[in-house]
Amino acid sequence: MTKTLASPQQMNAIDQKVQSVQPKMFKVFMLNDNYTTMEFVIEVLQSVFHKEDAEATSLMLQIHRQGQALCGLYPFEIAETKVAKVHSLARVAGFPLRCILEPN
């Protein structure tokens, strides 16, 4: 039984095809409301979006002052999961905190 190895040109063509298949990315924005505490927003940014203290605080202030902030850029399924996680945590805590998705 003999195995046929791909030529370097064939391998290069395969690599280019694999690299060119990029998932469509979506922006996840967190929206401001008048009820969710700043501390809870920071906790969510740290636990769901894995932000460090300083970045979470900066994003929380941007949300508070500008009405929204970009929390991350993810493939659709991951973005959708993060939005659902934020909504679930907020609902359990009794807050109306919301996130939205936008195509990149």
C-alpha atoms as a PDB file:
ATOM      1  CA  MET A   1       0.000   0.000   0.000  1.00  0.00           C
ATOM      2  CA  THR A   2       1.539   3.289  -1.095  1.00  0.00           C
ATOM      3  CA  LYS A   3       0.617   6.725   0.148  1.00  0.00           C
ATOM      4  CA  THR A   4       0.620   9.684  -2.202  1.00  0.00           C
ATOM      5  CA  LEU A   5       1.864  12.884  -0.647  1.00  0.00           C
ATOM      6  CA  ALA A   6       0.592  16.241  -1.811  1.00  0.00           C
ATOM      7  CA  SER A   7       3.032  18.449  -3.660  1.00  0.00           C
ATOM      8  CA  PRO A   8       4.077  21.781  -2.120  1.00  0.00           C
ATOM      9  CA  GLN A   9       1.866  23.599  -4.640  1.00  0.00           C
ATOM     10  CA  GLN A  10      -1.146  21.490  -3.628  1.00  0.00           C
ATOM     11  CA  MET A  11      -0.431  22.080   0.062  1.00  0.00           C
ATOM     12  CA  ASN A  12      -0.173  25.834  -0.540  1.00  0.00           C
ATOM     13  CA  ALA A  13      -3.542  25.833  -2.353  1.00  0.00           C
ATOM     14  CA  ILE A  14      -5.126  23.884   0.516  1.00  0.00           C
ATOM     15  CA  ASP A  15      -3.651  26.312   3.090  1.00  0.00           C
ATOM     16  CA  GLN A  16      -5.027  29.312   1.176  1.00  0.00           C
ATOM     17  CA  LYS A  17      -8.519  27.786   1.079  1.00  0.00           C
ATOM     18  CA  VAL A  18      -8.450  27.020   4.803  1.00  0.00           C
ATOM     19  CA  GLN A  19      -7.202  30.492   5.690  1.00  0.00           C
ATOM     20  CA  SER A  20      -9.770  32.275   3.510  1.00  0.00           C
ATOM     21  CA  VAL A  21     -12.759  30.775   5.358  1.00  0.00           C
ATOM     22  CA  GLN A  22     -13.251  33.328   8.110  1.00  0.00           C
ATOM     23  CA  PRO A  23     -16.501  33.434  10.099  1.00  0.00           C
ATOM     24  CA  LYS A  24     -18.567  36.593   9.897  1.00  0.00           C
ATOM     25  CA  MET A  25     -17.887  38.673  12.992  1.00  0.00           C
ATOM     26  CA  PHE A  26     -20.420  40.475  15.174  1.00  0.00           C
ATOM     27  CA  LYS A  27     -19.999  43.393  17.569  1.00  0.00           C
ATOM     28  CA  VAL A  28     -21.492  43.025  21.045  1.00  0.00           C
ATOM     29  CA  PHE A  29     -22.591  46.322  22.595  1.00  0.00           C
ATOM     30  CA  MET A  30     -23.766  46.792  26.172  1.00  0.00           C
ATOM     31  CA  LEU A  31     -26.503  49.409  26.587  1.00  0.00           C
ATOM     32  CA  ASN A  32     -27.062  51.888  29.388  1.00  0.00           C
ATOM     33  CA  ASP A  33     -30.158  51.911  31.579  1.00  0.00           C
ATOM     34  CA  ASN A  34     -31.103  53.900  34.670  1.00  0.00           C
ATOM     35  CA  TYR A  35     -31.375  50.947  37.049  1.00  0.00           C
ATOM     36  CA  THR A  36     -28.417  48.584  36.724  1.00  0.00           C
ATOM     37  CA  THR A  37     -25.668  49.419  39.201  1.00  0.00           C
ATOM     38  CA  MET A  38     -22.217  50.350  37.998  1.00  0.00           C
ATOM     39  CA  GLU A  39     -20.749  47.586  40.154  1.00  0.00           C
ATOM     40  CA  PHE A  40     -22.929  44.950  38.465  1.00  0.00           C
ATOM     41  CA  VAL A  41     -21.936  46.195  34.999  1.00  0.00           C
ATOM     42  CA  ILE A  42     -18.255  45.878  35.957  1.00  0.00           C
ATOM     43  CA  GLU A  43     -18.832  42.349  37.306  1.00  0.00           C
ATOM     44  CA  VAL A  44     -20.531  41.304  34.066  1.00  0.00           C
ATOM     45  CA  LEU A  45     -17.798  42.822  31.919  1.00  0.00           C
ATOM     46  CA  GLN A  46     -15.219  40.885  33.919  1.00  0.00           C
ATOM     47  CA  SER A  47     -17.056  37.563  34.086  1.00  0.00           C
ATOM     48  CA  VAL A  48     -18.617  37.374  30.612  1.00  0.00           C
ATOM     49  CA  PHE A  49     -16.179  39.404  28.508  1.00  0.00           C
ATOM     50  CA  HIS A  50     -13.019  38.674  30.558  1.00  0.00           C
ATOM     51  CA  LYS A  51     -12.058  42.335  30.982  1.00  0.00           C
ATOM     52  CA  GLU A  52      -9.456  43.444  33.524  1.00  0.00           C
ATOM     53  CA  ASP A  53     -10.489  45.862  36.304  1.00  0.00           C
ATOM     54  CA  ALA A  54      -9.289  49.032  34.575  1.00  0.00           C
ATOM     55  CA  GLU A  55     -10.814  48.167  31.200  1.00  0.00           C
ATOM     56  CA  ALA A  56     -14.109  47.076  32.781  1.00  0.00           C
ATOM     57  CA  THR A  57     -14.306  50.360  34.691  1.00  0.00           C
ATOM     58  CA  SER A  58     -13.505  52.370  31.565  1.00  0.00           C
ATOM     59  CA  LEU A  59     -16.169  50.529  29.552  1.00  0.00           C
ATOM     60  CA  MET A  60     -18.728  50.964  32.346  1.00  0.00           C
ATOM     61  CA  LEU A  61     -18.114  54.719  32.324  1.00  0.00           C
ATOM     62  CA  GLN A  62     -18.430  54.816  28.536  1.00  0.00           C
ATOM     63  CA  ILE A  63     -21.742  52.937  28.780  1.00  0.00           C
ATOM     64  CA  HIS A  64     -22.931  55.340  31.480  1.00  0.00           C
ATOM     65  CA  ARG A  65     -21.884  58.520  29.647  1.00  0.00           C
ATOM     66  CA  GLN A  66     -22.412  57.603  25.976  1.00  0.00           C
ATOM     67  CA  GLY A  67     -25.266  55.117  26.247  1.00  0.00           C
ATOM     68  CA  GLN A  68     -23.368  52.081  24.987  1.00  0.00           C
ATOM     69  CA  ALA A  69     -19.935  50.542  24.592  1.00  0.00           C
ATOM     70  CA  LEU A  70     -18.378  47.855  22.423  1.00  0.00           C
ATOM     71  CA  CYS A  71     -17.615  44.830  24.604  1.00  0.00           C
ATOM     72  CA  GLY A  72     -16.088  42.631  21.925  1.00  0.00           C
ATOM     73  CA  LEU A  73     -16.047  41.242  18.411  1.00  0.00           C
ATOM     74  CA  TYR A  74     -16.969  37.564  18.042  1.00  0.00           C
ATOM     75  CA  PRO A  75     -18.280  34.970  15.583  1.00  0.00           C
ATOM     76  CA  PHE A  76     -22.104  34.881  15.644  1.00  0.00           C
ATOM     77  CA  GLU A  77     -22.549  31.854  17.913  1.00  0.00           C
ATOM     78  CA  ILE A  78     -20.127  33.166  20.537  1.00  0.00           C
ATOM     79  CA  ALA A  79     -21.610  36.683  20.398  1.00  0.00           C
ATOM     80  CA  GLU A  80     -25.125  35.280  20.747  1.00  0.00           C
ATOM     81  CA  THR A  81     -24.052  33.187  23.746  1.00  0.00           C
ATOM     82  CA  LYS A  82     -22.431  36.175  25.468  1.00  0.00           C
ATOM     83  CA  VAL A  83     -25.559  38.302  24.967  1.00  0.00           C
ATOM     84  CA  ALA A  84     -27.733  35.514  26.383  1.00  0.00           C
ATOM     85  CA  LYS A  85     -25.382  35.134  29.377  1.00  0.00           C
ATOM     86  CA  VAL A  86     -25.552  38.880  30.134  1.00  0.00           C
ATOM     87  CA  HIS A  87     -29.348  38.862  29.916  1.00  0.00           C
ATOM     88  CA  SER A  88     -29.550  35.789  32.150  1.00  0.00           C
ATOM     89  CA  LEU A  89     -27.233  37.242  34.815  1.00  0.00           C
ATOM     90  CA  ALA A  90     -29.121  40.547  34.757  1.00  0.00           C
ATOM     91  CA  ARG A  91     -32.506  38.836  35.054  1.00  0.00           C
ATOM     92  CA  VAL A  92     -31.350  36.762  38.046  1.00  0.00           C
ATOM     93  CA  ALA A  93     -29.962  39.903  39.717  1.00  0.00           C
ATOM     94  CA  GLY A  94     -33.143  41.861  38.982  1.00  0.00           C
ATOM     95  CA  PHE A  95     -31.605  44.345  36.530  1.00  0.00           C
ATOM     96  CA  PRO A  96     -32.775  45.332  33.030  1.00  0.00           C
ATOM     97  CA  LEU A  97     -29.232  45.316  31.572  1.00  0.00           C
ATOM     98  CA  ARG A  98     -29.241  44.612  27.826  1.00  0.00           C
ATOM     99  CA  CYS A  99     -26.733  43.846  25.089  1.00  0.00           C
ATOM    100  CA  ILE A 100     -27.182  43.926  21.323  1.00  0.00           C
ATOM    101  CA  LEU A 101     -25.408  42.372  18.326  1.00  0.00           C
ATOM    102  CA  GLU A 102     -24.422  44.165  15.148  1.00  0.00           C
ATOM    103  CA  PRO A 103     -22.664  42.719  12.111  1.00  0.00           C
ATOM    104  CA  ASN A 104     -19.116  43.963  11.775  1.00  0.00           C
END
